[in-house]
PDB file of N, CA and C in Angstrom:
ATOM      1  N   UNK A   1      -9.244  -1.099   5.492  1.00  0.00           N
ATOM      2  CA  UNK A   1      -7.853  -0.707   5.411  1.00  0.00           C
ATOM      3  C   UNK A   1      -7.504  -0.450   3.955  1.00  0.00           C
ATOM      4  N   UNK A   2      -6.856   0.653   3.694  1.00  0.00           N
ATOM      5  CA  UNK A   2      -6.545   1.000   2.310  1.00  0.00           C
ATOM      6  C   UNK A   2      -5.380   0.194   1.739  1.00  0.00           C
ATOM      7  N   UNK A   3      -5.431   0.021   0.428  1.00  0.00           N
ATOM      8  CA  UNK A   3      -4.335  -0.631  -0.289  1.00  0.00           C
ATOM      9  C   UNK A   3      -3.126   0.285  -0.344  1.00  0.00           C
ATOM     10  N   UNK A   4      -1.963  -0.314  -0.397  1.00  0.00           N
ATOM     11  CA  UNK A   4      -0.727   0.420  -0.615  1.00  0.00           C
ATOM     12  C   UNK A   4      -0.011  -0.225  -1.802  1.00  0.00           C
ATOM     13  N   UNK A   5       0.797   0.575  -2.482  1.00  0.00           N
ATOM     14  CA  UNK A   5       1.532   0.071  -3.636  1.00  0.00           C
ATOM     15  C   UNK A   5       2.888   0.760  -3.679  1.00  0.00           C
ATOM     16  N   UNK A   6       3.943  -0.020  -3.655  1.00  0.00           N
ATOM     17  CA  UNK A   6       5.299   0.512  -3.684  1.00  0.00           C
ATOM     18  C   UNK A   6       6.032  -0.065  -4.887  1.00  0.00           C
ATOM     19  N   UNK A   7       6.210   0.769  -5.916  1.00  0.00           N
ATOM     20  CA  UNK A   7       6.923   0.364  -7.111  1.00  0.00           C
ATOM     21  C   UNK A   7       7.993   1.417  -7.397  1.00  0.00           C
ATOM     22  N   UNK A   8       9.252   1.043  -7.224  1.00  0.00           N
ATOM     23  CA  UNK A   8      10.328   2.003  -7.480  1.00  0.00           C
ATOM     24  C   UNK A   8      10.249   2.574  -8.897  1.00  0.00           C
ATOM     25  N   UNK A   9      10.382   3.872  -8.989  1.00  0.00           N
ATOM     26  CA  UNK A   9      10.376   4.537 -10.280  1.00  0.00           C
ATOM     27  C   UNK A   9       9.000   4.883 -10.819  1.00  0.00           C
ATOM     28  N   UNK A  10       7.944   4.429 -10.149  1.00  0.00           N
ATOM     29  CA  UNK A  10       6.592   4.744 -10.602  1.00  0.00           C
ATOM     30  C   UNK A  10       6.196   6.139 -10.122  1.00  0.00           C
ATOM     31  N   UNK A  11       5.543   6.886 -10.999  1.00  0.00           N
ATOM     32  CA  UNK A  11       5.089   8.231 -10.646  1.00  0.00           C
ATOM     33  C   UNK A  11       3.852   8.138  -9.753  1.00  0.00           C
ATOM     34  N   UNK A  12       3.504   9.209  -9.058  1.00  0.00           N
ATOM     35  CA  UNK A  12       2.274   9.205  -8.252  1.00  0.00           C
ATOM     36  C   UNK A  12       1.034   8.875  -9.092  1.00  0.00           C
ATOM     37  N   UNK A  13       0.995   9.350 -10.323  1.00  0.00           N
ATOM     38  CA  UNK A  13      -0.134   9.047 -11.211  1.00  0.00           C
ATOM     39  C   UNK A  13      -0.179   7.553 -11.524  1.00  0.00           C
ATOM     40  N   UNK A  14       0.976   6.959 -11.790  1.00  0.00           N
ATOM     41  CA  UNK A  14       1.026   5.520 -12.065  1.00  0.00           C
ATOM     42  C   UNK A  14       0.610   4.714 -10.842  1.00  0.00           C
ATOM     43  N   UNK A  15       1.051   5.148  -9.671  1.00  0.00           N
ATOM     44  CA  UNK A  15       0.669   4.454  -8.429  1.00  0.00           C
ATOM     45  C   UNK A  15      -0.849   4.499  -8.244  1.00  0.00           C
ATOM     46  N   UNK A  16      -1.454   5.650  -8.458  1.00  0.00           N
ATOM     47  CA  UNK A  16      -2.914   5.762  -8.326  1.00  0.00           C
ATOM     48  C   UNK A  16      -3.630   4.868  -9.338  1.00  0.00           C
ATOM     49  N   UNK A  17      -3.103   4.829 -10.558  1.00  0.00           N
ATOM     50  CA  UNK A  17      -3.682   3.964 -11.589  1.00  0.00           C
ATOM     51  C   UNK A  17      -3.544   2.492 -11.178  1.00  0.00           C
ATOM     52  N   UNK A  18      -2.397   2.144 -10.616  1.00  0.00           N
ATOM     53  CA  UNK A  18      -2.176   0.778 -10.149  1.00  0.00           C
ATOM     54  C   UNK A  18      -3.096   0.397  -9.003  1.00  0.00           C
ATOM     55  N   UNK A  19      -3.259   1.313  -8.056  1.00  0.00           N
ATOM     56  CA  UNK A  19      -4.171   1.046  -6.934  1.00  0.00           C
ATOM     57  C   UNK A  19      -5.603   0.866  -7.420  1.00  0.00           C
ATOM     58  N   UNK A  20      -6.014   1.677  -8.385  1.00  0.00           N
ATOM     59  CA  UNK A  20      -7.367   1.561  -8.938  1.00  0.00           C
ATOM     60  C   UNK A  20      -7.541   0.217  -9.638  1.00  0.00           C
ATOM     61  N   UNK A  21      -6.521  -0.230 -10.360  1.00  0.00           N
ATOM     62  CA  UNK A  21      -6.603  -1.521 -11.055  1.00  0.00           C
ATOM     63  C   UNK A  21      -6.712  -2.667 -10.049  1.00  0.00           C
ATOM     64  N   UNK A  22      -5.904  -2.609  -8.996  1.00  0.00           N
ATOM     65  CA  UNK A  22      -5.959  -3.649  -7.969  1.00  0.00           C
ATOM     66  C   UNK A  22      -7.316  -3.661  -7.271  1.00  0.00           C
ATOM     67  N   UNK A  23      -7.821  -2.484  -6.923  1.00  0.00           N
ATOM     68  CA  UNK A  23      -9.106  -2.411  -6.241  1.00  0.00           C
ATOM     69  C   UNK A  23     -10.227  -2.942  -7.119  1.00  0.00           C
ATOM     70  N   UNK A  24     -10.144  -2.688  -8.426  1.00  0.00           N
ATOM     71  CA  UNK A  24     -11.168  -3.193  -9.349  1.00  0.00           C
ATOM     72  C   UNK A  24     -11.204  -4.718  -9.352  1.00  0.00           C
ATOM     73  N   UNK A  25     -10.042  -5.343  -9.320  1.00  0.00           N
ATOM     74  CA  UNK A  25      -9.990  -6.816  -9.276  1.00  0.00           C
ATOM     75  C   UNK A  25     -10.572  -7.315  -7.960  1.00  0.00           C
ATOM     76  N   UNK A  26     -10.168  -6.725  -6.851  1.00  0.00           N
ATOM     77  CA  UNK A  26     -10.696  -7.153  -5.556  1.00  0.00           C
ATOM     78  C   UNK A  26     -12.209  -6.964  -5.494  1.00  0.00           C
ATOM     79  N   UNK A  27     -12.692  -5.824  -5.984  1.00  0.00           N
ATOM     80  CA  UNK A  27     -14.132  -5.560  -5.983  1.00  0.00           C
ATOM     81  C   UNK A  27     -14.889  -6.565  -6.848  1.00  0.00           C
ATOM     82  N   UNK A  28     -14.301  -6.921  -7.980  1.00  0.00           N
ATOM     83  CA  UNK A  28     -14.951  -7.862  -8.893  1.00  0.00           C
ATOM     84  C   UNK A  28     -15.220  -9.207  -8.202  1.00  0.00           C
ATOM     85  N   UNK A  29     -14.333  -9.594  -7.293  1.00  0.00           N
ATOM     86  CA  UNK A  29     -14.484 -10.875  -6.596  1.00  0.00           C
ATOM     87  C   UNK A  29     -15.041 -10.723  -5.183  1.00  0.00           C
ATOM     88  N   UNK A  30     -15.334  -9.490  -4.776  1.00  0.00           N
ATOM     89  CA  UNK A  30     -15.901  -9.268  -3.448  1.00  0.00           C
ATOM     90  C   UNK A  30     -14.922  -9.509  -2.318  1.00  0.00           C
ATOM     91  N   UNK A  31     -13.649  -9.212  -2.554  1.00  0.00           N
ATOM     92  CA  UNK A  31     -12.605  -9.411  -1.552  1.00  0.00           C
ATOM     93  C   UNK A  31     -12.137  -8.045  -1.060  1.00  0.00           C
ATOM     94  N   UNK A  32     -12.020  -7.893   0.256  1.00  0.00           N
ATOM     95  CA  UNK A  32     -11.497  -6.642   0.801  1.00  0.00           C
ATOM     96  C   UNK A  32      -9.970  -6.702   0.794  1.00  0.00           C
ATOM     97  N   UNK A  33      -9.345  -5.538   0.908  1.00  0.00           N
ATOM     98  CA  UNK A  33      -7.890  -5.474   0.965  1.00  0.00           C
ATOM     99  C   UNK A  33      -7.376  -6.254   2.179  1.00  0.00           C
ATOM    100  N   UNK A  34      -8.051  -6.117   3.288  1.00  0.00           N
ATOM    101  CA  UNK A  34      -7.634  -6.819   4.501  1.00  0.00           C
ATOM    102  C   UNK A  34      -7.716  -8.341   4.320  1.00  0.00           C
ATOM    103  N   UNK A  35      -8.809  -8.831   3.728  1.00  0.00           N
ATOM    104  CA  UNK A  35      -8.941 -10.269   3.475  1.00  0.00           C
ATOM    105  C   UNK A  35      -7.827 -10.767   2.566  1.00  0.00           C
ATOM    106  N   UNK A  36      -7.579 -10.020   1.493  1.00  0.00           N
ATOM    107  CA  UNK A  36      -6.560 -10.429   0.536  1.00  0.00           C
ATOM    108  C   UNK A  36      -5.180 -10.486   1.161  1.00  0.00           C
ATOM    109  N   UNK A  37      -4.829  -9.452   1.889  1.00  0.00           N
ATOM    110  CA  UNK A  37      -3.519  -9.379   2.522  1.00  0.00           C
ATOM    111  C   UNK A  37      -3.352 -10.493   3.555  1.00  0.00           C
ATOM    112  N   UNK A  38      -4.349 -10.701   4.387  1.00  0.00           N
ATOM    113  CA  UNK A  38      -4.253 -11.688   5.456  1.00  0.00           C
ATOM    114  C   UNK A  38      -4.247 -13.115   4.913  1.00  0.00           C
ATOM    115  N   UNK A  39      -5.134 -13.415   3.975  1.00  0.00           N
ATOM    116  CA  UNK A  39      -5.172 -14.764   3.407  1.00  0.00           C
ATOM    117  C   UNK A  39      -3.883 -15.088   2.678  1.00  0.00           C
ATOM    118  N   UNK A  40      -3.346 -14.111   1.968  1.00  0.00           N
ATOM    119  CA  UNK A  40      -2.086 -14.325   1.262  1.00  0.00           C
ATOM    120  C   UNK A  40      -0.952 -14.560   2.255  1.00  0.00           C
ATOM    121  N   UNK A  41      -0.950 -13.813   3.344  1.00  0.00           N
ATOM    122  CA  UNK A  41       0.052 -14.018   4.385  1.00  0.00           C
ATOM    123  C   UNK A  41      -0.036 -15.437   4.934  1.00  0.00           C
ATOM    124  N   UNK A  42      -1.255 -15.918   5.199  1.00  0.00           N
ATOM    125  CA  UNK A  42      -1.428 -17.270   5.726  1.00  0.00           C
ATOM    126  C   UNK A  42      -0.910 -18.317   4.744  1.00  0.00           C
ATOM    127  N   UNK A  43      -1.219 -18.157   3.468  1.00  0.00           N
ATOM    128  CA  UNK A  43      -0.782 -19.123   2.459  1.00  0.00           C
ATOM    129  C   UNK A  43       0.736 -19.086   2.308  1.00  0.00           C
ATOM    130  N   UNK A  44       1.312 -17.903   2.255  1.00  0.00           N
ATOM    131  CA  UNK A  44       2.755 -17.777   2.057  1.00  0.00           C
ATOM    132  C   UNK A  44       3.556 -18.247   3.265  1.00  0.00           C
ATOM    133  N   UNK A  45       2.950 -18.270   4.439  1.00  0.00           N
ATOM    134  CA  UNK A  45       3.651 -18.680   5.652  1.00  0.00           C
ATOM    135  C   UNK A  45       3.186 -20.028   6.178  1.00  0.00           C
ATOM    136  N   UNK A  46       2.503 -20.801   5.334  1.00  0.00           N
ATOM    137  CA  UNK A  46       1.950 -22.086   5.772  1.00  0.00           C
ATOM    138  C   UNK A  46       3.031 -23.069   6.222  1.00  0.00           C
ATOM    139  N   UNK A  47       4.228 -22.921   5.697  1.00  0.00           N
ATOM    140  CA  UNK A  47       5.325 -23.825   6.058  1.00  0.00           C
ATOM    141  C   UNK A  47       5.974 -23.474   7.394  1.00  0.00           C
ATOM    142  N   UNK A  48       5.631 -22.326   7.955  1.00  0.00           N
ATOM    143  CA  UNK A  48       6.193 -21.882   9.224  1.00  0.00           C
ATOM    144  C   UNK A  48       5.302 -22.337  10.381  1.00  0.00           C
ATOM    145  N   UNK A  49       5.883 -22.675  11.511  1.00  0.00           N
ATOM    146  CA  UNK A  49       5.046 -22.977  12.673  1.00  0.00           C
ATOM    147  C   UNK A  49       4.498 -21.659  13.242  1.00  0.00           C
ATOM    148  N   UNK A  50       3.231 -21.418  13.051  1.00  0.00           N
ATOM    149  CA  UNK A  50       2.612 -20.168  13.482  1.00  0.00           C
ATOM    150  C   UNK A  50       1.682 -20.417  14.659  1.00  0.00           C
ATOM    151  N   UNK A  51       1.685 -19.488  15.589  1.00  0.00           N
ATOM    152  CA  UNK A  51       0.847 -19.595  16.772  1.00  0.00           C
ATOM    153  C   UNK A  51       0.112 -18.286  16.984  1.00  0.00           C
ATOM    154  N   UNK A  52      -1.140 -18.394  17.287  1.00  0.00           N
ATOM    155  CA  UNK A  52      -1.956 -17.220  17.536  1.00  0.00           C
ATOM    156  C   UNK A  52      -2.127 -17.046  19.033  1.00  0.00           C
ATOM    157  N   UNK A  53      -2.018 -15.809  19.477  1.00  0.00           N
ATOM    158  CA  UNK A  53      -2.198 -15.535  20.894  1.00  0.00           C
ATOM    159  C   UNK A  53      -3.654 -15.626  21.324  1.00  0.00           C
ATOM    160  N   UNK A  54      -4.567 -15.489  20.350  1.00  0.00           N
ATOM    161  CA  UNK A  54      -5.982 -15.543  20.704  1.00  0.00           C
ATOM    162  C   UNK A  54      -6.633 -16.875  20.315  1.00  0.00           C
ATOM    163  N   UNK A  55      -5.830 -17.873  19.960  1.00  0.00           N
ATOM    164  CA  UNK A  55      -6.365 -19.193  19.649  1.00  0.00           C
ATOM    165  C   UNK A  55      -6.854 -19.371  18.227  1.00  0.00           C
ATOM    166  N   UNK A  56      -6.689 -18.365  17.382  1.00  0.00           N
ATOM    167  CA  UNK A  56      -7.127 -18.461  15.998  1.00  0.00           C
ATOM    168  C   UNK A  56      -6.289 -19.506  15.257  1.00  0.00           C
ATOM    169  N   UNK A  57      -6.938 -20.307  14.439  1.00  0.00           N
ATOM    170  CA  UNK A  57      -6.234 -21.293  13.623  1.00  0.00           C
ATOM    171  C   UNK A  57      -5.583 -20.562  12.454  1.00  0.00           C
ATOM    172  N   UNK A  58      -4.267 -20.608  12.359  1.00  0.00           N
ATOM    173  CA  UNK A  58      -3.549 -19.887  11.323  1.00  0.00           C
ATOM    174  C   UNK A  58      -3.234 -20.761  10.109  1.00  0.00           C
ATOM    175  N   UNK A  59      -3.677 -22.003  10.127  1.00  0.00           N
ATOM    176  CA  UNK A  59      -3.488 -22.878   8.977  1.00  0.00           C
ATOM    177  C   UNK A  59      -4.409 -22.399   7.853  1.00  0.00           C
ATOM    178  N   UNK A  60      -3.856 -22.166   6.654  1.00  0.00           N
ATOM    179  CA  UNK A  60      -4.713 -21.682   5.567  1.00  0.00           C
ATOM    180  C   UNK A  60      -5.732 -22.739   5.144  1.00  0.00           C
ATOM    181  N   UNK A  61      -6.911 -22.273   4.812  1.00  0.00           N
ATOM    182  CA  UNK A  61      -7.972 -23.151   4.321  1.00  0.00           C
ATOM    183  C   UNK A  61      -8.180 -22.852   2.832  1.00  0.00           C
ATOM    184  N   UNK A  62      -9.037 -23.609   2.195  1.00  0.00           N
ATOM    185  CA  UNK A  62      -9.290 -23.430   0.755  1.00  0.00           C
ATOM    186  C   UNK A  62      -9.689 -21.996   0.423  1.00  0.00           C
ATOM    187  N   UNK A  63     -10.469 -21.374   1.283  1.00  0.00           N
ATOM    188  CA  UNK A  63     -10.892 -19.990   1.045  1.00  0.00           C
ATOM    189  C   UNK A  63      -9.696 -19.044   1.041  1.00  0.00           C
ATOM    190  N   UNK A  64      -8.733 -19.278   1.923  1.00  0.00           N
ATOM    191  CA  UNK A  64      -7.514 -18.469   1.925  1.00  0.00           C
ATOM    192  C   UNK A  64      -6.757 -18.645   0.613  1.00  0.00           C
ATOM    193  N   UNK A  65      -6.694 -19.865   0.127  1.00  0.00           N
ATOM    194  CA  UNK A  65      -6.007 -20.130  -1.133  1.00  0.00           C
ATOM    195  C   UNK A  65      -6.713 -19.420  -2.290  1.00  0.00           C
ATOM    196  N   UNK A  66      -8.041 -19.459  -2.307  1.00  0.00           N
ATOM    197  CA  UNK A  66      -8.813 -18.786  -3.354  1.00  0.00           C
ATOM    198  C   UNK A  66      -8.581 -17.278  -3.301  1.00  0.00           C
ATOM    199  N   UNK A  67      -8.622 -16.715  -2.107  1.00  0.00           N
ATOM    200  CA  UNK A  67      -8.439 -15.274  -1.949  1.00  0.00           C
ATOM    201  C   UNK A  67      -7.010 -14.866  -2.313  1.00  0.00           C
ATOM    202  N   UNK A  68      -6.031 -15.699  -1.985  1.00  0.00           N
ATOM    203  CA  UNK A  68      -4.651 -15.345  -2.326  1.00  0.00           C
ATOM    204  C   UNK A  68      -4.443 -15.312  -3.835  1.00  0.00           C
ATOM    205  N   UNK A  69      -5.114 -16.168  -4.575  1.00  0.00           N
ATOM    206  CA  UNK A  69      -5.035 -16.133  -6.040  1.00  0.00           C
ATOM    207  C   UNK A  69      -5.607 -14.810  -6.554  1.00  0.00           C
ATOM    208  N   UNK A  70      -6.702 -14.366  -5.983  1.00  0.00           N
ATOM    209  CA  UNK A  70      -7.298 -13.078  -6.358  1.00  0.00           C
ATOM    210  C   UNK A  70      -6.332 -11.945  -6.014  1.00  0.00           C
ATOM    211  N   UNK A  71      -5.691 -12.015  -4.855  1.00  0.00           N
ATOM    212  CA  UNK A  71      -4.716 -10.995  -4.451  1.00  0.00           C
ATOM    213  C   UNK A  71      -3.571 -10.923  -5.450  1.00  0.00           C
ATOM    214  N   UNK A  72      -3.054 -12.081  -5.872  1.00  0.00           N
ATOM    215  CA  UNK A  72      -1.963 -12.095  -6.853  1.00  0.00           C
ATOM    216  C   UNK A  72      -2.423 -11.494  -8.190  1.00  0.00           C
ATOM    217  N   UNK A  73      -3.663 -11.755  -8.575  1.00  0.00           N
ATOM    218  CA  UNK A  73      -4.204 -11.147  -9.803  1.00  0.00           C
ATOM    219  C   UNK A  73      -4.297  -9.630  -9.652  1.00  0.00           C
ATOM    220  N   UNK A  74      -4.747  -9.170  -8.500  1.00  0.00           N
ATOM    221  CA  UNK A  74      -4.846  -7.731  -8.246  1.00  0.00           C
ATOM    222  C   UNK A  74      -3.465  -7.099  -8.255  1.00  0.00           C
ATOM    223  N   UNK A  75      -2.501  -7.775  -7.670  1.00  0.00           N
ATOM    224  CA  UNK A  75      -1.132  -7.259  -7.654  1.00  0.00           C
ATOM    225  C   UNK A  75      -0.583  -7.159  -9.075  1.00  0.00           C
ATOM    226  N   UNK A  76      -0.791  -8.194  -9.885  1.00  0.00           N
ATOM    227  CA  UNK A  76      -0.309  -8.170 -11.269  1.00  0.00           C
ATOM    228  C   UNK A  76      -0.966  -7.034 -12.049  1.00  0.00           C
ATOM    229  N   UNK A  77      -2.268  -6.833 -11.833  1.00  0.00           N
ATOM    230  CA  UNK A  77      -2.977  -5.742 -12.512  1.00  0.00           C
ATOM    231  C   UNK A  77      -2.415  -4.391 -12.092  1.00  0.00           C
ATOM    232  N   UNK A  78      -2.101  -4.248 -10.824  1.00  0.00           N
ATOM    233  CA  UNK A  78      -1.548  -2.989 -10.319  1.00  0.00           C
ATOM    234  C   UNK A  78      -0.194  -2.693 -10.946  1.00  0.00           C
ATOM    235  N   UNK A  79       0.655  -3.699 -11.006  1.00  0.00           N
ATOM    236  CA  UNK A  79       1.996  -3.514 -11.561  1.00  0.00           C
ATOM    237  C   UNK A  79       1.911  -3.204 -13.060  1.00  0.00           C
ATOM    238  N   UNK A  80       1.058  -3.938 -13.765  1.00  0.00           N
ATOM    239  CA  UNK A  80       0.885  -3.692 -15.202  1.00  0.00           C
ATOM    240  C   UNK A  80       0.339  -2.290 -15.458  1.00  0.00           C
ATOM    241  N   UNK A  81      -0.572  -1.831 -14.608  1.00  0.00           N
ATOM    242  CA  UNK A  81      -1.145  -0.487 -14.772  1.00  0.00           C
ATOM    243  C   UNK A  81      -0.085   0.593 -14.581  1.00  0.00           C
ATOM    244  N   UNK A  82       0.988   0.244 -13.891  1.00  0.00           N
ATOM    245  CA  UNK A  82       2.103   1.183 -13.710  1.00  0.00           C
ATOM    246  C   UNK A  82       3.123   1.060 -14.842  1.00  0.00           C
ATOM    247  N   UNK A  83       2.823   0.211 -15.818  1.00  0.00           N
ATOM    248  CA  UNK A  83       3.722   0.042 -16.950  1.00  0.00           C
ATOM    249  C   UNK A  83       4.943  -0.803 -16.636  1.00  0.00           C
ATOM    250  N   UNK A  84       4.841  -1.624 -15.605  1.00  0.00           N
ATOM    251  CA  UNK A  84       5.976  -2.468 -15.199  1.00  0.00           C
ATOM    252  C   UNK A  84       5.645  -3.933 -15.441  1.00  0.00           C
ATOM    253  N   UNK A  85       6.670  -4.777 -15.410  1.00  0.00           N
ATOM    254  CA  UNK A  85       6.524  -6.215 -15.593  1.00  0.00           C
ATOM    255  C   UNK A  85       6.279  -6.866 -14.228  1.00  0.00           C
ATOM    256  N   UNK A  86       5.147  -7.576 -14.055  1.00  0.00           N
ATOM    257  CA  UNK A  86       4.875  -8.189 -12.752  1.00  0.00           C
ATOM    258  C   UNK A  86       5.709  -9.436 -12.474  1.00  0.00           C
ATOM    259  N   UNK A  87       6.390  -9.949 -13.491  1.00  0.00           N
ATOM    260  CA  UNK A  87       7.127 -11.203 -13.329  1.00  0.00           C
ATOM    261  C   UNK A  87       8.216 -11.197 -12.258  1.00  0.00           C
ATOM    262  N   UNK A  88       8.928 -10.082 -12.024  1.00  0.00           N
ATOM    263  CA  UNK A  88      10.024 -10.170 -11.058  1.00  0.00           C
ATOM    264  C   UNK A  88       9.603 -10.341  -9.599  1.00  0.00           C
ATOM    265  N   UNK A  89       8.338 -10.219  -9.296  1.00  0.00           N
ATOM    266  CA  UNK A  89       7.914 -10.283  -7.903  1.00  0.00           C
ATOM    267  C   UNK A  89       7.628 -11.712  -7.482  1.00  0.00           C
ATOM    268  N   UNK A  90       8.301 -12.125  -6.437  1.00  0.00           N
ATOM    269  CA  UNK A  90       8.108 -13.446  -5.862  1.00  0.00           C
ATOM    270  C   UNK A  90       7.034 -13.365  -4.776  1.00  0.00           C
ATOM    271  N   UNK A  91       6.376 -14.499  -4.461  1.00  0.00           N
ATOM    272  CA  UNK A  91       5.427 -14.478  -3.353  1.00  0.00           C
ATOM    273  C   UNK A  91       6.088 -13.958  -2.083  1.00  0.00           C
ATOM    274  N   UNK A  92       5.376 -13.115  -1.380  1.00  0.00           N
ATOM    275  CA  UNK A  92       5.880 -12.528  -0.154  1.00  0.00           C
ATOM    276  C   UNK A  92       6.708 -11.276  -0.360  1.00  0.00           C
ATOM    277  N   UNK A  93       7.021 -10.948  -1.605  1.00  0.00           N
ATOM    278  CA  UNK A  93       7.854  -9.793  -1.890  1.00  0.00           C
ATOM    279  C   UNK A  93       7.133  -8.792  -2.788  1.00  0.00           C
ATOM    280  N   UNK A  94       5.855  -8.978  -2.989  1.00  0.00           N
ATOM    281  CA  UNK A  94       5.122  -8.128  -3.911  1.00  0.00           C
ATOM    282  C   UNK A  94       4.952  -6.704  -3.418  1.00  0.00           C
ATOM    283  N   UNK A  95       4.668  -5.821  -4.347  1.00  0.00           N
ATOM    284  CA  UNK A  95       4.537  -4.406  -4.015  1.00  0.00           C
ATOM    285  C   UNK A  95       3.181  -4.007  -3.443  1.00  0.00           C
ATOM    286  N   UNK A  96       2.189  -4.879  -3.559  1.00  0.00           N
ATOM    287  CA  UNK A  96       0.854  -4.559  -3.083  1.00  0.00           C
ATOM    288  C   UNK A  96       0.730  -4.924  -1.615  1.00  0.00           C
ATOM    289  N   UNK A  97       0.132  -4.031  -0.845  1.00  0.00           N
ATOM    290  CA  UNK A  97      -0.040  -4.273   0.577  1.00  0.00           C
ATOM    291  C   UNK A  97      -1.316  -3.651   1.087  1.00  0.00           C
ATOM    292  N   UNK A  98      -1.494  -3.738   2.373  1.00  0.00           N
ATOM    293  CA  UNK A  98      -2.662  -3.195   3.029  1.00  0.00           C
ATOM    294  C   UNK A  98      -2.188  -2.407   4.234  1.00  0.00           C
ATOM    295  N   UNK A  99      -2.534  -1.136   4.287  1.00  0.00           N
ATOM    296  CA  UNK A  99      -2.113  -0.269   5.380  1.00  0.00           C
ATOM    297  C   UNK A  99      -2.814  -0.656   6.668  1.00  0.00           C
ATOM    298  N   UNK A 100      -2.082  -0.690   7.725  1.00  0.00           N
ATOM    299  CA  UNK A 100      -2.647  -1.028   9.037  1.00  0.00           C
ATOM    300  C   UNK A 100      -3.092   0.230   9.786  1.00  0.00           C
ATOM    301  N   UNK A 101      -2.958   1.383   9.168  1.00  0.00           N
ATOM    302  CA  UNK A 101      -3.313   2.650   9.815  1.00  0.00           C
ATOM    303  C   UNK A 101      -4.794   2.843   9.900  1.00  0.00           C
TER     304      UNK A 101
END
């Protein structure tokens, strides 16, 4: 699944540069976009009572926590590559995502 990046005011060139920066971080750690997005979702929603229809355990494990840290690093790299400050983004509200298409 491809990465997505939504940063208001960023040009298409900046978005492409940001996506490349994020992908480089994920590649460096051997994490796919899907793994990063899903593990981060699990960590950010750990306080919610979550139920899986297929019996999957949705409680985050140490590996999810490790991958979510990598995802946050990739997100920060993407935002910085667009010439923006990554500080305003709170967990769960970041501009980096993974397309489900």
